[in-house]
Amino acid sequence: MQKKTRINVWVCVAILFLIGVNWFYPYSFLSVQKTLSFDADNIVVEAYTEELNDFAKNYEFSSEFNLTTERTQYILQMYEQEWLISKKPVKLKKNDLEAIIMEVKETREILLELAFRETYSHETKDYLKASIKSCLDLEERIRYLQNSQNNSRSTLTRQFRNIQGEFISNFDLYTSFYHSYKSDLLEK
């Protein structure tokens, strides 16, 4: 009887250990679900969503072909990801990080295309360069998060909030680029 009791105790301890690892280290190699529930600050999300909606309403899609304006609709997709604009908690699986990186890479590729195919003023080029550099920084941060297995739940939440802040900063850079571009068009 005593041997059976010891085995039951060890099984219970192992189960409690795995539950603890799943909770405190959601992306660890021992974690079963590899999911983190990200609950963004509602004030930040509300302000960001308002800026995003204002920009989306105000950017003009002209009937004549204009590469910058036409590509903007694809760039906006990066900024409209659910985890960035949701006021409710969003479950972020470790595999979702690859989709987030792909969005950033696609946006960076579009921005590089604009840099080589369009002619901009010096100020507009500076905003575009800053936006491209910001995309590279975002990729690096997300890749670091993707490769980290030993971060606790609180560290991961803080890192996701930092990345969310970088997305918002990147959006501000892109809107500055776009507004500078539109100002240049009006001056011509």
N, C-alpha and C. Protein backbone atom coordinates (compact mmCIF):
# COMPACT_ATOMS: atom_id res chain seq x y z
N MET A 1 0.81 -1.20 0.00
CA MET A 1 0.00 0.00 0.00
C MET A 1 0.85 1.26 0.00
N GLN A 2 1.92 1.25 0.76
CA GLN A 2 2.73 2.44 0.88
C GLN A 2 3.43 2.78 -0.43
N LYS A 3 3.84 1.77 -1.21
CA LYS A 3 4.49 1.99 -2.50
C LYS A 3 3.49 2.62 -3.47
N LYS A 4 2.26 2.17 -3.44
CA LYS A 4 1.21 2.71 -4.31
C LYS A 4 0.92 4.16 -3.95
N THR A 5 0.92 4.48 -2.67
CA THR A 5 0.68 5.85 -2.21
C THR A 5 1.80 6.77 -2.68
N ARG A 6 3.06 6.29 -2.60
CA ARG A 6 4.18 7.09 -3.07
C ARG A 6 4.07 7.38 -4.57
N ILE A 7 3.71 6.41 -5.31
CA ILE A 7 3.55 6.59 -6.76
C ILE A 7 2.46 7.61 -7.05
N ASN A 8 1.34 7.52 -6.33
CA ASN A 8 0.25 8.49 -6.52
C ASN A 8 0.70 9.91 -6.16
N VAL A 9 1.49 10.04 -5.10
CA VAL A 9 2.00 11.35 -4.70
C VAL A 9 2.91 11.90 -5.80
N TRP A 10 3.81 11.06 -6.33
CA TRP A 10 4.72 11.52 -7.39
C TRP A 10 3.97 11.89 -8.67
N VAL A 11 2.95 11.14 -8.98
CA VAL A 11 2.13 11.47 -10.16
C VAL A 11 1.44 12.81 -9.94
N CYS A 12 0.90 13.03 -8.76
CA CYS A 12 0.25 14.32 -8.44
C CYS A 12 1.25 15.47 -8.50
N VAL A 13 2.45 15.25 -7.96
CA VAL A 13 3.48 16.28 -7.99
C VAL A 13 3.86 16.59 -9.44
N ALA A 14 4.01 15.57 -10.27
CA ALA A 14 4.36 15.77 -11.68
C ALA A 14 3.26 16.54 -12.41
N ILE A 15 2.02 16.21 -12.15
CA ILE A 15 0.90 16.91 -12.79
C ILE A 15 0.86 18.36 -12.34
N LEU A 16 1.02 18.61 -11.03
CA LEU A 16 1.06 19.98 -10.53
C LEU A 16 2.24 20.76 -11.12
N PHE A 17 3.37 20.09 -11.27
CA PHE A 17 4.55 20.73 -11.87
C PHE A 17 4.25 21.15 -13.31
N LEU A 18 3.65 20.26 -14.09
CA LEU A 18 3.31 20.58 -15.49
C LEU A 18 2.28 21.70 -15.58
N ILE A 19 1.31 21.69 -14.69
CA ILE A 19 0.32 22.77 -14.67
C ILE A 19 1.00 24.09 -14.33
N GLY A 20 1.90 24.06 -13.37
CA GLY A 20 2.65 25.27 -13.01
C GLY A 20 3.50 25.77 -14.15
N VAL A 21 4.18 24.87 -14.84
CA VAL A 21 5.01 25.26 -15.98
C VAL A 21 4.13 25.86 -17.07
N ASN A 22 2.98 25.21 -17.34
CA ASN A 22 2.06 25.73 -18.37
C ASN A 22 1.59 27.13 -18.02
N TRP A 23 1.35 27.39 -16.76
CA TRP A 23 0.84 28.69 -16.35
C TRP A 23 1.95 29.76 -16.33
N PHE A 24 3.04 29.46 -15.66
CA PHE A 24 4.08 30.46 -15.47
C PHE A 24 5.00 30.63 -16.68
N TYR A 25 5.18 29.59 -17.48
CA TYR A 25 6.05 29.64 -18.66
C TYR A 25 5.30 29.11 -19.88
N PRO A 26 4.38 29.90 -20.43
CA PRO A 26 3.49 29.39 -21.47
C PRO A 26 4.17 28.98 -22.78
N TYR A 27 5.36 29.48 -23.08
CA TYR A 27 6.04 29.12 -24.33
C TYR A 27 7.21 28.16 -24.12
N SER A 28 7.33 27.58 -22.92
CA SER A 28 8.45 26.68 -22.64
C SER A 28 8.26 25.36 -23.39
N PHE A 29 9.35 24.61 -23.51
CA PHE A 29 9.26 23.33 -24.22
C PHE A 29 8.42 22.31 -23.46
N LEU A 30 8.21 22.49 -22.16
CA LEU A 30 7.36 21.60 -21.38
C LEU A 30 5.88 22.00 -21.44
N SER A 31 5.62 23.19 -21.91
CA SER A 31 4.25 23.67 -21.97
C SER A 31 3.48 22.92 -23.05
N VAL A 32 2.26 22.54 -22.73
CA VAL A 32 1.45 21.75 -23.65
C VAL A 32 0.79 22.63 -24.70
N GLN A 33 0.16 23.71 -24.30
CA GLN A 33 -0.60 24.54 -25.23
C GLN A 33 0.22 25.62 -25.91
N LYS A 34 1.27 26.11 -25.31
CA LYS A 34 2.10 27.19 -25.83
C LYS A 34 1.24 28.38 -26.26
N THR A 35 0.35 28.80 -25.36
CA THR A 35 -0.57 29.89 -25.61
C THR A 35 -0.52 30.89 -24.47
N LEU A 36 -0.56 32.17 -24.86
CA LEU A 36 -0.60 33.26 -23.89
C LEU A 36 -1.84 34.09 -24.18
N SER A 37 -2.59 34.40 -23.17
CA SER A 37 -3.74 35.28 -23.33
C SER A 37 -3.26 36.71 -23.14
N PHE A 38 -3.24 37.47 -24.25
CA PHE A 38 -2.75 38.85 -24.22
C PHE A 38 -3.92 39.80 -24.08
N ASP A 39 -3.89 40.57 -23.01
CA ASP A 39 -4.94 41.55 -22.74
C ASP A 39 -4.30 42.93 -22.78
N ALA A 40 -4.48 43.61 -23.89
CA ALA A 40 -3.86 44.93 -24.07
C ALA A 40 -4.59 45.97 -23.23
N ASP A 41 -3.90 47.06 -22.96
CA ASP A 41 -4.48 48.19 -22.24
C ASP A 41 -5.57 48.81 -23.11
N ASN A 42 -6.80 48.84 -22.61
CA ASN A 42 -7.94 49.33 -23.40
C ASN A 42 -7.79 50.78 -23.83
N ILE A 43 -7.17 51.61 -23.02
CA ILE A 43 -6.98 53.02 -23.38
C ILE A 43 -6.05 53.12 -24.59
N VAL A 44 -4.97 52.34 -24.58
CA VAL A 44 -4.03 52.33 -25.70
C VAL A 44 -4.72 51.80 -26.96
N VAL A 45 -5.47 50.72 -26.81
CA VAL A 45 -6.15 50.13 -27.96
C VAL A 45 -7.17 51.11 -28.53
N GLU A 46 -7.92 51.76 -27.66
CA GLU A 46 -8.94 52.71 -28.13
C GLU A 46 -8.31 53.88 -28.90
N ALA A 47 -7.24 54.44 -28.36
CA ALA A 47 -6.57 55.56 -29.04
C ALA A 47 -5.97 55.10 -30.37
N TYR A 48 -5.34 53.94 -30.37
CA TYR A 48 -4.73 53.41 -31.59
C TYR A 48 -5.79 53.11 -32.65
N THR A 49 -6.88 52.48 -32.24
CA THR A 49 -7.95 52.15 -33.17
C THR A 49 -8.56 53.41 -33.78
N GLU A 50 -8.71 54.43 -32.95
CA GLU A 50 -9.25 55.70 -33.45
C GLU A 50 -8.32 56.31 -34.49
N GLU A 51 -7.01 56.32 -34.21
CA GLU A 51 -6.03 56.85 -35.18
C GLU A 51 -6.05 56.03 -36.47
N LEU A 52 -6.12 54.72 -36.32
CA LEU A 52 -6.13 53.82 -37.47
C LEU A 52 -7.37 54.05 -38.33
N ASN A 53 -8.52 54.18 -37.69
CA ASN A 53 -9.77 54.42 -38.43
C ASN A 53 -9.77 55.78 -39.11
N ASP A 54 -9.26 56.80 -38.43
CA ASP A 54 -9.17 58.13 -39.03
C ASP A 54 -8.28 58.11 -40.27
N PHE A 55 -7.14 57.44 -40.16
CA PHE A 55 -6.24 57.36 -41.30
C PHE A 55 -6.90 56.59 -42.45
N ALA A 56 -7.52 55.46 -42.14
CA ALA A 56 -8.14 54.64 -43.18
C ALA A 56 -9.26 55.41 -43.89
N LYS A 57 -10.01 56.21 -43.15
CA LYS A 57 -11.08 57.01 -43.76
C LYS A 57 -10.52 58.13 -44.63
N ASN A 58 -9.43 58.73 -44.19
CA ASN A 58 -8.92 59.91 -44.85
C ASN A 58 -7.94 59.64 -45.99
N TYR A 59 -7.34 58.45 -46.02
CA TYR A 59 -6.40 58.24 -47.12
C TYR A 59 -7.21 58.02 -48.40
N GLU A 60 -6.76 58.65 -49.44
CA GLU A 60 -7.54 58.68 -50.67
C GLU A 60 -7.02 57.65 -51.65
N PHE A 61 -7.93 56.89 -52.21
CA PHE A 61 -7.57 55.97 -53.28
C PHE A 61 -7.97 56.65 -54.58
N SER A 62 -6.97 57.16 -55.30
CA SER A 62 -7.28 57.92 -56.51
C SER A 62 -7.59 56.99 -57.68
N SER A 63 -8.35 57.49 -58.63
CA SER A 63 -8.73 56.69 -59.78
C SER A 63 -7.54 56.48 -60.72
N GLU A 64 -6.63 57.46 -60.76
CA GLU A 64 -5.43 57.25 -61.57
C GLU A 64 -4.44 56.44 -60.75
N PHE A 65 -3.60 55.68 -61.45
CA PHE A 65 -2.67 54.79 -60.76
C PHE A 65 -1.65 55.59 -59.98
N ASN A 66 -1.57 55.29 -58.70
CA ASN A 66 -0.64 55.95 -57.80
C ASN A 66 -0.13 54.85 -56.87
N LEU A 67 1.10 54.45 -57.07
CA LEU A 67 1.64 53.28 -56.37
C LEU A 67 1.60 53.42 -54.85
N THR A 68 1.96 54.56 -54.33
CA THR A 68 1.99 54.76 -52.87
C THR A 68 0.60 54.60 -52.26
N THR A 69 -0.37 55.27 -52.86
CA THR A 69 -1.74 55.18 -52.34
C THR A 69 -2.30 53.77 -52.51
N GLU A 70 -2.00 53.16 -53.63
CA GLU A 70 -2.51 51.81 -53.90
C GLU A 70 -1.92 50.80 -52.91
N ARG A 71 -0.64 50.93 -52.59
CA ARG A 71 0.01 49.98 -51.68
C ARG A 71 -0.39 50.22 -50.21
N THR A 72 -0.88 51.38 -49.92
CA THR A 72 -1.28 51.70 -48.55
C THR A 72 -2.35 50.74 -48.04
N GLN A 73 -3.26 50.33 -48.90
CA GLN A 73 -4.31 49.41 -48.46
C GLN A 73 -3.73 48.08 -47.97
N TYR A 74 -2.60 47.65 -48.54
CA TYR A 74 -1.96 46.41 -48.11
C TYR A 74 -1.13 46.62 -46.84
N ILE A 75 -0.55 47.80 -46.74
CA ILE A 75 0.25 48.12 -45.55
C ILE A 75 -0.65 48.21 -44.32
N LEU A 76 -1.86 48.74 -44.51
CA LEU A 76 -2.79 48.87 -43.37
C LEU A 76 -3.13 47.52 -42.75
N GLN A 77 -3.03 46.45 -43.51
CA GLN A 77 -3.35 45.12 -42.97
C GLN A 77 -2.44 44.75 -41.80
N MET A 78 -1.20 45.20 -41.85
CA MET A 78 -0.27 44.89 -40.75
C MET A 78 -0.74 45.56 -39.46
N TYR A 79 -1.30 46.74 -39.58
CA TYR A 79 -1.71 47.50 -38.40
C TYR A 79 -3.09 47.09 -37.89
N GLU A 80 -3.81 46.31 -38.66
CA GLU A 80 -5.17 45.92 -38.28
C GLU A 80 -5.25 44.50 -37.73
N GLN A 81 -4.14 43.95 -37.26
CA GLN A 81 -4.14 42.61 -36.69
C GLN A 81 -5.00 42.59 -35.43
N GLU A 82 -5.69 41.48 -35.24
CA GLU A 82 -6.65 41.37 -34.14
C GLU A 82 -6.02 41.67 -32.78
N TRP A 83 -4.84 41.16 -32.54
CA TRP A 83 -4.23 41.33 -31.21
C TRP A 83 -3.85 42.78 -30.95
N LEU A 84 -3.75 43.59 -31.99
CA LEU A 84 -3.42 45.00 -31.81
C LEU A 84 -4.65 45.87 -31.55
N ILE A 85 -5.81 45.45 -32.05
CA ILE A 85 -6.99 46.30 -31.98
C ILE A 85 -8.11 45.75 -31.11
N SER A 86 -7.92 44.58 -30.53
CA SER A 86 -8.97 43.97 -29.72
C SER A 86 -8.93 44.48 -28.29
N LYS A 87 -10.10 44.84 -27.78
CA LYS A 87 -10.20 45.26 -26.38
C LYS A 87 -10.38 44.06 -25.45
N LYS A 88 -10.63 42.90 -26.04
CA LYS A 88 -10.79 41.67 -25.27
C LYS A 88 -9.48 40.89 -25.33
N PRO A 89 -9.24 40.03 -24.35
CA PRO A 89 -8.02 39.22 -24.40
C PRO A 89 -7.98 38.35 -25.66
N VAL A 90 -6.80 38.26 -26.24
CA VAL A 90 -6.59 37.47 -27.45
C VAL A 90 -5.57 36.39 -27.13
N LYS A 91 -5.89 35.16 -27.48
CA LYS A 91 -4.96 34.06 -27.25
C LYS A 91 -3.92 34.07 -28.36
N LEU A 92 -2.67 34.18 -27.96
CA LEU A 92 -1.56 34.20 -28.90
C LEU A 92 -0.75 32.92 -28.73
N LYS A 93 -0.84 32.06 -29.73
CA LYS A 93 -0.04 30.84 -29.71
C LYS A 93 1.36 31.17 -30.20
N LYS A 94 2.28 30.36 -29.82
CA LYS A 94 3.66 30.59 -30.25
C LYS A 94 3.73 30.56 -31.78
N ASN A 95 2.92 29.74 -32.42
CA ASN A 95 2.90 29.66 -33.88
C ASN A 95 2.35 30.94 -34.52
N ASP A 96 1.54 31.70 -33.80
CA ASP A 96 0.99 32.95 -34.32
C ASP A 96 2.08 34.00 -34.55
N LEU A 97 3.18 33.85 -33.84
CA LEU A 97 4.28 34.80 -34.01
C LEU A 97 4.84 34.76 -35.42
N GLU A 98 4.81 33.59 -36.05
CA GLU A 98 5.29 33.49 -37.43
C GLU A 98 4.39 34.28 -38.37
N ALA A 99 3.08 34.23 -38.16
CA ALA A 99 2.16 35.02 -38.98
C ALA A 99 2.37 36.51 -38.77
N ILE A 100 2.65 36.91 -37.54
CA ILE A 100 2.91 38.32 -37.25
C ILE A 100 4.18 38.78 -37.96
N ILE A 101 5.22 37.94 -37.91
CA ILE A 101 6.47 38.27 -38.60
C ILE A 101 6.23 38.37 -40.11
N MET A 102 5.43 37.49 -40.66
CA MET A 102 5.15 37.53 -42.10
C MET A 102 4.46 38.84 -42.49
N GLU A 103 3.54 39.31 -41.67
CA GLU A 103 2.88 40.60 -41.93
C GLU A 103 3.90 41.73 -41.97
N VAL A 104 4.82 41.72 -41.02
CA VAL A 104 5.84 42.77 -40.95
C VAL A 104 6.77 42.67 -42.16
N LYS A 105 7.17 41.46 -42.53
CA LYS A 105 8.05 41.28 -43.69
C LYS A 105 7.38 41.75 -44.98
N GLU A 106 6.12 41.40 -45.14
CA GLU A 106 5.39 41.83 -46.34
C GLU A 106 5.30 43.35 -46.41
N THR A 107 5.05 43.97 -45.28
CA THR A 107 4.99 45.44 -45.24
C THR A 107 6.35 46.03 -45.57
N ARG A 108 7.40 45.45 -45.00
CA ARG A 108 8.76 45.94 -45.28
C ARG A 108 9.07 45.81 -46.78
N GLU A 109 8.67 44.71 -47.38
CA GLU A 109 8.90 44.52 -48.82
C GLU A 109 8.15 45.58 -49.65
N ILE A 110 6.95 45.89 -49.25
CA ILE A 110 6.18 46.93 -49.94
C ILE A 110 6.86 48.29 -49.79
N LEU A 111 7.31 48.58 -48.59
CA LEU A 111 8.00 49.85 -48.35
C LEU A 111 9.30 49.94 -49.16
N LEU A 112 10.01 48.82 -49.26
CA LEU A 112 11.23 48.80 -50.08
C LEU A 112 10.89 49.00 -51.56
N GLU A 113 9.80 48.39 -51.98
CA GLU A 113 9.35 48.59 -53.36
C GLU A 113 9.07 50.08 -53.61
N LEU A 114 8.39 50.72 -52.68
CA LEU A 114 8.10 52.15 -52.82
C LEU A 114 9.40 52.96 -52.87
N ALA A 115 10.36 52.57 -52.05
CA ALA A 115 11.63 53.31 -51.99
C ALA A 115 12.36 53.27 -53.33
N PHE A 116 12.24 52.16 -54.05
CA PHE A 116 12.97 52.03 -55.32
C PHE A 116 12.15 52.42 -56.54
N ARG A 117 10.85 52.41 -56.44
CA ARG A 117 10.03 52.69 -57.63
C ARG A 117 9.44 54.10 -57.67
N GLU A 118 9.39 54.77 -56.53
CA GLU A 118 8.79 56.09 -56.47
C GLU A 118 9.85 57.16 -56.19
N THR A 119 9.52 58.38 -56.54
CA THR A 119 10.40 59.52 -56.27
C THR A 119 9.73 60.37 -55.20
N TYR A 120 10.47 60.61 -54.11
CA TYR A 120 9.93 61.37 -52.99
C TYR A 120 10.86 62.53 -52.66
N SER A 121 10.31 63.49 -51.92
CA SER A 121 11.14 64.59 -51.42
C SER A 121 12.07 64.03 -50.34
N HIS A 122 13.05 64.83 -49.95
CA HIS A 122 14.03 64.40 -48.95
C HIS A 122 13.33 64.05 -47.62
N GLU A 123 12.42 64.91 -47.18
CA GLU A 123 11.71 64.67 -45.92
C GLU A 123 10.88 63.39 -45.99
N THR A 124 10.19 63.19 -47.09
CA THR A 124 9.35 62.00 -47.26
C THR A 124 10.22 60.74 -47.28
N LYS A 125 11.37 60.80 -47.93
CA LYS A 125 12.30 59.67 -47.95
C LYS A 125 12.77 59.34 -46.53
N ASP A 126 13.03 60.37 -45.74
CA ASP A 126 13.47 60.13 -44.37
C ASP A 126 12.40 59.37 -43.57
N TYR A 127 11.14 59.76 -43.73
CA TYR A 127 10.06 59.03 -43.05
C TYR A 127 9.98 57.59 -43.55
N LEU A 128 10.16 57.40 -44.84
CA LEU A 128 10.10 56.06 -45.41
C LEU A 128 11.25 55.20 -44.88
N LYS A 129 12.46 55.76 -44.82
CA LYS A 129 13.61 55.03 -44.27
C LYS A 129 13.35 54.65 -42.81
N ALA A 130 12.82 55.59 -42.06
CA ALA A 130 12.54 55.31 -40.64
C ALA A 130 11.49 54.20 -40.49
N SER A 131 10.52 54.21 -41.38
CA SER A 131 9.48 53.18 -41.33
C SER A 131 10.06 51.81 -41.68
N ILE A 132 10.94 51.76 -42.66
CA ILE A 132 11.59 50.49 -43.03
C ILE A 132 12.46 49.99 -41.88
N LYS A 133 13.23 50.89 -41.28
CA LYS A 133 14.08 50.50 -40.14
C LYS A 133 13.23 50.00 -38.97
N SER A 134 12.11 50.65 -38.75
CA SER A 134 11.20 50.23 -37.69
C SER A 134 10.66 48.83 -37.96
N CYS A 135 10.37 48.52 -39.21
CA CYS A 135 9.92 47.16 -39.57
C CYS A 135 11.01 46.13 -39.27
N LEU A 136 12.25 46.47 -39.59
CA LEU A 136 13.37 45.56 -39.30
C LEU A 136 13.50 45.33 -37.79
N ASP A 137 13.36 46.40 -37.01
CA ASP A 137 13.42 46.28 -35.56
C ASP A 137 12.27 45.41 -35.03
N LEU A 138 11.09 45.58 -35.61
CA LEU A 138 9.94 44.77 -35.21
C LEU A 138 10.20 43.29 -35.50
N GLU A 139 10.72 43.00 -36.66
CA GLU A 139 11.03 41.60 -37.01
C GLU A 139 11.99 40.99 -36.01
N GLU A 140 13.02 41.76 -35.66
CA GLU A 140 14.02 41.28 -34.71
C GLU A 140 13.40 41.02 -33.34
N ARG A 141 12.56 41.93 -32.87
CA ARG A 141 11.90 41.76 -31.56
C ARG A 141 10.98 40.54 -31.54
N ILE A 142 10.21 40.39 -32.61
CA ILE A 142 9.27 39.26 -32.67
C ILE A 142 10.03 37.95 -32.77
N ARG A 143 11.10 37.93 -33.55
CA ARG A 143 11.93 36.72 -33.69
C ARG A 143 12.54 36.36 -32.32
N TYR A 144 12.99 37.37 -31.58
CA TYR A 144 13.54 37.11 -30.24
C TYR A 144 12.46 36.48 -29.35
N LEU A 145 11.26 37.03 -29.40
CA LEU A 145 10.15 36.51 -28.60
C LEU A 145 9.82 35.08 -29.02
N GLN A 146 9.88 34.83 -30.31
CA GLN A 146 9.58 33.50 -30.83
C GLN A 146 10.61 32.46 -30.36
N ASN A 147 11.86 32.88 -30.25
CA ASN A 147 12.92 31.95 -29.86
C ASN A 147 13.12 31.83 -28.36
N SER A 148 12.44 32.64 -27.58
CA SER A 148 12.62 32.57 -26.13
C SER A 148 11.63 31.58 -25.53
N GLN A 149 12.17 30.59 -24.84
CA GLN A 149 11.33 29.56 -24.23
C GLN A 149 11.24 29.71 -22.72
N ASN A 150 12.15 30.44 -22.15
CA ASN A 150 12.24 30.48 -20.69
C ASN A 150 11.63 31.73 -20.09
N ASN A 151 10.89 32.49 -20.86
CA ASN A 151 10.29 33.71 -20.32
C ASN A 151 9.00 33.40 -19.58
N SER A 152 8.82 34.08 -18.48
CA SER A 152 7.61 33.88 -17.68
C SER A 152 6.43 34.59 -18.34
N ARG A 153 5.27 34.30 -17.85
CA ARG A 153 4.03 34.91 -18.36
C ARG A 153 4.10 36.44 -18.27
N SER A 154 4.57 36.95 -17.15
CA SER A 154 4.64 38.41 -16.99
C SER A 154 5.66 39.03 -17.95
N THR A 155 6.79 38.35 -18.16
CA THR A 155 7.79 38.85 -19.11
C THR A 155 7.23 38.84 -20.53
N LEU A 156 6.56 37.77 -20.90
CA LEU A 156 5.97 37.68 -22.24
C LEU A 156 4.91 38.77 -22.44
N THR A 157 4.09 38.99 -21.44
CA THR A 157 3.06 40.04 -21.54
C THR A 157 3.71 41.40 -21.71
N ARG A 158 4.76 41.67 -20.96
CA ARG A 158 5.47 42.94 -21.08
C ARG A 158 6.10 43.07 -22.47
N GLN A 159 6.68 41.99 -22.97
CA GLN A 159 7.29 42.02 -24.30
C GLN A 159 6.24 42.24 -25.39
N PHE A 160 5.08 41.61 -25.26
CA PHE A 160 4.01 41.83 -26.24
C PHE A 160 3.52 43.28 -26.18
N ARG A 161 3.44 43.83 -24.99
CA ARG A 161 3.04 45.25 -24.88
C ARG A 161 4.08 46.16 -25.51
N ASN A 162 5.35 45.83 -25.33
CA ASN A 162 6.41 46.61 -25.97
C ASN A 162 6.33 46.51 -27.50
N ILE A 163 6.07 45.31 -27.98
CA ILE A 163 5.93 45.12 -29.43
C ILE A 163 4.70 45.86 -29.94
N GLN A 164 3.62 45.83 -29.17
CA GLN A 164 2.43 46.58 -29.54
C GLN A 164 2.76 48.06 -29.65
N GLY A 165 3.54 48.57 -28.71
CA GLY A 165 3.97 49.97 -28.75
C GLY A 165 4.81 50.25 -29.98
N GLU A 166 5.66 49.29 -30.37
CA GLU A 166 6.47 49.48 -31.57
C GLU A 166 5.61 49.47 -32.83
N PHE A 167 4.56 48.66 -32.85
CA PHE A 167 3.62 48.69 -33.98
C PHE A 167 2.97 50.07 -34.08
N ILE A 168 2.57 50.60 -32.94
CA ILE A 168 1.94 51.92 -32.92
C ILE A 168 2.92 52.99 -33.40
N SER A 169 4.16 52.92 -32.94
CA SER A 169 5.18 53.87 -33.40
C SER A 169 5.43 53.72 -34.89
N ASN A 170 5.46 52.48 -35.36
CA ASN A 170 5.65 52.24 -36.79
C ASN A 170 4.49 52.82 -37.59
N PHE A 171 3.29 52.68 -37.07
CA PHE A 171 2.12 53.26 -37.74
C PHE A 171 2.24 54.78 -37.80
N ASP A 172 2.69 55.39 -36.72
CA ASP A 172 2.89 56.84 -36.70
C ASP A 172 3.91 57.26 -37.75
N LEU A 173 4.98 56.48 -37.89
CA LEU A 173 5.99 56.78 -38.92
C LEU A 173 5.38 56.68 -40.32
N TYR A 174 4.59 55.63 -40.52
CA TYR A 174 3.99 55.46 -41.85
C TYR A 174 3.01 56.60 -42.14
N THR A 175 2.21 56.98 -41.18
CA THR A 175 1.26 58.08 -41.43
C THR A 175 2.02 59.38 -41.69
N SER A 176 3.14 59.60 -41.00
CA SER A 176 3.94 60.79 -41.27
C SER A 176 4.49 60.74 -42.69
N PHE A 177 4.97 59.57 -43.11
CA PHE A 177 5.45 59.39 -44.48
C PHE A 177 4.32 59.69 -45.47
N TYR A 178 3.16 59.12 -45.22
CA TYR A 178 2.06 59.27 -46.17
C TYR A 178 1.59 60.72 -46.24
N HIS A 179 1.48 61.39 -45.10
CA HIS A 179 1.05 62.79 -45.09
C HIS A 179 2.08 63.68 -45.78
N SER A 180 3.36 63.39 -45.57
CA SER A 180 4.41 64.14 -46.25
C SER A 180 4.33 63.92 -47.76
N TYR A 181 4.07 62.70 -48.15
CA TYR A 181 3.92 62.36 -49.56
C TYR A 181 2.74 63.12 -50.17
N LYS A 182 1.62 63.15 -49.46
CA LYS A 182 0.43 63.86 -49.96
C LYS A 182 0.69 65.36 -50.03
N SER A 183 1.42 65.90 -49.06
CA SER A 183 1.76 67.34 -49.10
C SER A 183 2.62 67.65 -50.32
N ASP A 184 3.56 66.75 -50.62
CA ASP A 184 4.41 66.93 -51.80
C ASP A 184 3.58 66.94 -53.07
N LEU A 185 2.58 66.06 -53.13
CA LEU A 185 1.72 66.01 -54.32
C LEU A 185 0.93 67.31 -54.50
N LEU A 186 0.46 67.86 -53.38
CA LEU A 186 -0.33 69.11 -53.46
C LEU A 186 0.53 70.29 -53.89
N GLU A 187 1.82 70.25 -53.55
CA GLU A 187 2.72 71.34 -53.90
C GLU A 187 3.08 71.34 -55.39
N LYS A 188 2.98 70.18 -56.01
CA LYS A 188 3.36 70.07 -57.44
C LYS A 188 2.35 70.69 -58.36
